[in-house]
Amino acid sequence: MSIWYKIFKWKPWTILTNYDIDSKCLKCPKCGSTSFEETLLDTVSNVPSEIDTHCLECKEHVNYWAYGAYDPIFRLSDRSFEMWSIRRFAQK
């Protein structure tokens, strides 16, 4: 857990993104932790079809996986300079 989160209960912008290219969460955008808990929400023929991911430290909802892909809204709303620059140049 980052020192910023311990003191202020929020984490400022990071330089690198908190998500990989496939939108899988690498570290919590809120506290910086790398400990996650995945909750199985639904199955189709005993195969996972929907999985919810929460941070174990701050209980923040960090990702949602369904039918083979992660929800891109988490990566696109990431508080990192890397994603800010991608969003900025995409608007032009």
C-alpha atoms as a PDB file:
ATOM      1  CA  MET A   1       0.000   0.000   0.000  1.00  0.00           C
ATOM      2  CA  SER A   2       1.368   3.416  -0.902  1.00  0.00           C
ATOM      3  CA  ILE A   3       2.310   5.999   1.718  1.00  0.00           C
ATOM      4  CA  TRP A   4      -0.029   8.545   0.067  1.00  0.00           C
ATOM      5  CA  TYR A   5      -2.999   6.254   0.631  1.00  0.00           C
ATOM      6  CA  LYS A   6      -2.064   5.610   4.276  1.00  0.00           C
ATOM      7  CA  ILE A   7      -1.907   9.338   5.032  1.00  0.00           C
ATOM      8  CA  PHE A   8      -4.554  10.905   2.761  1.00  0.00           C
ATOM      9  CA  LYS A   9      -6.765   7.859   1.937  1.00  0.00           C
ATOM     10  CA  TRP A  10      -6.300   8.433  -1.784  1.00  0.00           C
ATOM     11  CA  LYS A  11      -3.481   7.946  -4.255  1.00  0.00           C
ATOM     12  CA  PRO A  12      -2.400  10.746  -6.588  1.00  0.00           C
ATOM     13  CA  TRP A  13      -1.861  10.233 -10.278  1.00  0.00           C
ATOM     14  CA  THR A  14       0.719   7.608 -11.215  1.00  0.00           C
ATOM     15  CA  ILE A  15       3.171   7.766 -14.093  1.00  0.00           C
ATOM     16  CA  LEU A  16       2.546   4.272 -15.433  1.00  0.00           C
ATOM     17  CA  THR A  17      -0.884   2.811 -15.961  1.00  0.00           C
ATOM     18  CA  ASN A  18      -2.421   0.493 -13.377  1.00  0.00           C
ATOM     19  CA  TYR A  19      -3.756  -1.826 -16.106  1.00  0.00           C
ATOM     20  CA  ASP A  20      -2.043  -3.921 -18.780  1.00  0.00           C
ATOM     21  CA  ILE A  21      -2.804  -3.840 -22.511  1.00  0.00           C
ATOM     22  CA  ASP A  22      -5.662  -6.359 -22.087  1.00  0.00           C
ATOM     23  CA  SER A  23      -7.185  -4.189 -19.286  1.00  0.00           C
ATOM     24  CA  LYS A  24      -6.228  -6.638 -16.532  1.00  0.00           C
ATOM     25  CA  CYS A  25      -5.582  -4.764 -13.274  1.00  0.00           C
ATOM     26  CA  LEU A  26      -1.917  -4.791 -12.171  1.00  0.00           C
ATOM     27  CA  LYS A  27      -2.274  -2.581  -9.086  1.00  0.00           C
ATOM     28  CA  CYS A  28      -5.175  -0.860  -7.380  1.00  0.00           C
ATOM     29  CA  PRO A  29      -5.783   2.659  -8.753  1.00  0.00           C
ATOM     30  CA  LYS A  30      -6.950   3.839  -5.316  1.00  0.00           C
ATOM     31  CA  CYS A  31      -4.301   2.461  -2.905  1.00  0.00           C
ATOM     32  CA  GLY A  32      -1.579   0.897  -5.100  1.00  0.00           C
ATOM     33  CA  SER A  33      -1.939  -2.616  -3.686  1.00  0.00           C
ATOM     34  CA  THR A  34      -1.332  -5.692  -5.857  1.00  0.00           C
ATOM     35  CA  SER A  35      -3.545  -8.016  -3.770  1.00  0.00           C
ATOM     36  CA  PHE A  36      -6.889  -8.764  -5.395  1.00  0.00           C
ATOM     37  CA  GLU A  37      -9.850 -11.031  -4.757  1.00  0.00           C
ATOM     38  CA  GLU A  38     -11.866 -12.394  -7.647  1.00  0.00           C
ATOM     39  CA  THR A  39     -15.517 -13.296  -7.171  1.00  0.00           C
ATOM     40  CA  LEU A  40     -17.233 -15.640  -9.590  1.00  0.00           C
ATOM     41  CA  LEU A  41     -20.585 -14.098 -10.555  1.00  0.00           C
ATOM     42  CA  ASP A  42     -21.867 -16.416 -13.272  1.00  0.00           C
ATOM     43  CA  THR A  43     -21.024 -19.630 -15.124  1.00  0.00           C
ATOM     44  CA  VAL A  44     -22.175 -21.183 -18.369  1.00  0.00           C
ATOM     45  CA  SER A  45     -21.918 -24.986 -18.389  1.00  0.00           C
ATOM     46  CA  ASN A  46     -19.556 -24.832 -15.371  1.00  0.00           C
ATOM     47  CA  VAL A  47     -17.189 -22.446 -17.202  1.00  0.00           C
ATOM     48  CA  PRO A  48     -16.689 -18.988 -15.620  1.00  0.00           C
ATOM     49  CA  SER A  49     -18.434 -16.318 -17.650  1.00  0.00           C
ATOM     50  CA  GLU A  50     -18.392 -13.303 -15.293  1.00  0.00           C
ATOM     51  CA  ILE A  51     -15.758 -12.449 -12.667  1.00  0.00           C
ATOM     52  CA  ASP A  52     -15.652  -9.387 -10.415  1.00  0.00           C
ATOM     53  CA  THR A  53     -12.297  -8.175  -8.993  1.00  0.00           C
ATOM     54  CA  HIS A  54     -11.850  -6.200  -5.752  1.00  0.00           C
ATOM     55  CA  CYS A  55      -8.753  -4.887  -3.963  1.00  0.00           C
ATOM     56  CA  LEU A  56      -8.105  -6.724  -0.694  1.00  0.00           C
ATOM     57  CA  GLU A  57      -6.632  -3.633   1.014  1.00  0.00           C
ATOM     58  CA  CYS A  58      -9.221  -0.910   0.316  1.00  0.00           C
ATOM     59  CA  LYS A  59     -12.133  -3.036  -1.042  1.00  0.00           C
ATOM     60  CA  GLU A  60     -12.257  -0.911  -4.218  1.00  0.00           C
ATOM     61  CA  HIS A  61     -13.972  -2.481  -7.247  1.00  0.00           C
ATOM     62  CA  VAL A  62     -11.081  -2.570  -9.749  1.00  0.00           C
ATOM     63  CA  ASN A  63     -12.184  -4.755 -12.656  1.00  0.00           C
ATOM     64  CA  TYR A  64     -14.921  -6.830 -14.254  1.00  0.00           C
ATOM     65  CA  TRP A  65     -14.361  -9.708 -16.680  1.00  0.00           C
ATOM     66  CA  ALA A  66     -17.158 -11.194 -18.781  1.00  0.00           C
ATOM     67  CA  TYR A  67     -17.209 -13.645 -21.676  1.00  0.00           C
ATOM     68  CA  GLY A  68     -13.507 -13.454 -22.495  1.00  0.00           C
ATOM     69  CA  ALA A  69     -12.753  -9.740 -22.102  1.00  0.00           C
ATOM     70  CA  TYR A  70     -12.253  -7.148 -19.375  1.00  0.00           C
ATOM     71  CA  ASP A  71     -14.528  -4.130 -19.153  1.00  0.00           C
ATOM     72  CA  PRO A  72     -12.488  -1.299 -20.771  1.00  0.00           C
ATOM     73  CA  ILE A  73     -14.051   1.473 -18.668  1.00  0.00           C
ATOM     74  CA  PHE A  74     -11.696   0.727 -15.764  1.00  0.00           C
ATOM     75  CA  ARG A  75      -8.578   1.117 -17.927  1.00  0.00           C
ATOM     76  CA  LEU A  76      -9.900   4.202 -19.707  1.00  0.00           C
ATOM     77  CA  SER A  77     -10.733   5.965 -16.436  1.00  0.00           C
ATOM     78  CA  ASP A  78      -7.363   5.083 -14.860  1.00  0.00           C
ATOM     79  CA  ARG A  79      -5.671   7.950 -12.977  1.00  0.00           C
ATOM     80  CA  SER A  80      -2.275   7.706 -14.655  1.00  0.00           C
ATOM     81  CA  PHE A  81      -0.358  10.083 -16.894  1.00  0.00           C
ATOM     82  CA  GLU A  82      -0.042   7.317 -19.475  1.00  0.00           C
ATOM     83  CA  MET A  83      -3.824   6.968 -19.857  1.00  0.00           C
ATOM     84  CA  TRP A  84      -4.308  10.749 -19.616  1.00  0.00           C
ATOM     85  CA  SER A  85      -2.043  11.228 -22.624  1.00  0.00           C
ATOM     86  CA  ILE A  86      -3.838   8.496 -24.578  1.00  0.00           C
ATOM     87  CA  ARG A  87      -7.217  10.103 -23.843  1.00  0.00           C
ATOM     88  CA  ARG A  88      -5.870  13.570 -24.669  1.00  0.00           C
ATOM     89  CA  PHE A  89      -4.458  12.608 -28.063  1.00  0.00           C
ATOM     90  CA  ALA A  90      -7.497  10.489 -28.919  1.00  0.00           C
ATOM     91  CA  GLN A  91      -9.694  13.581 -28.632  1.00  0.00           C
ATOM     92  CA  LYS A  92      -7.726  15.452 -31.315  1.00  0.00           C
END
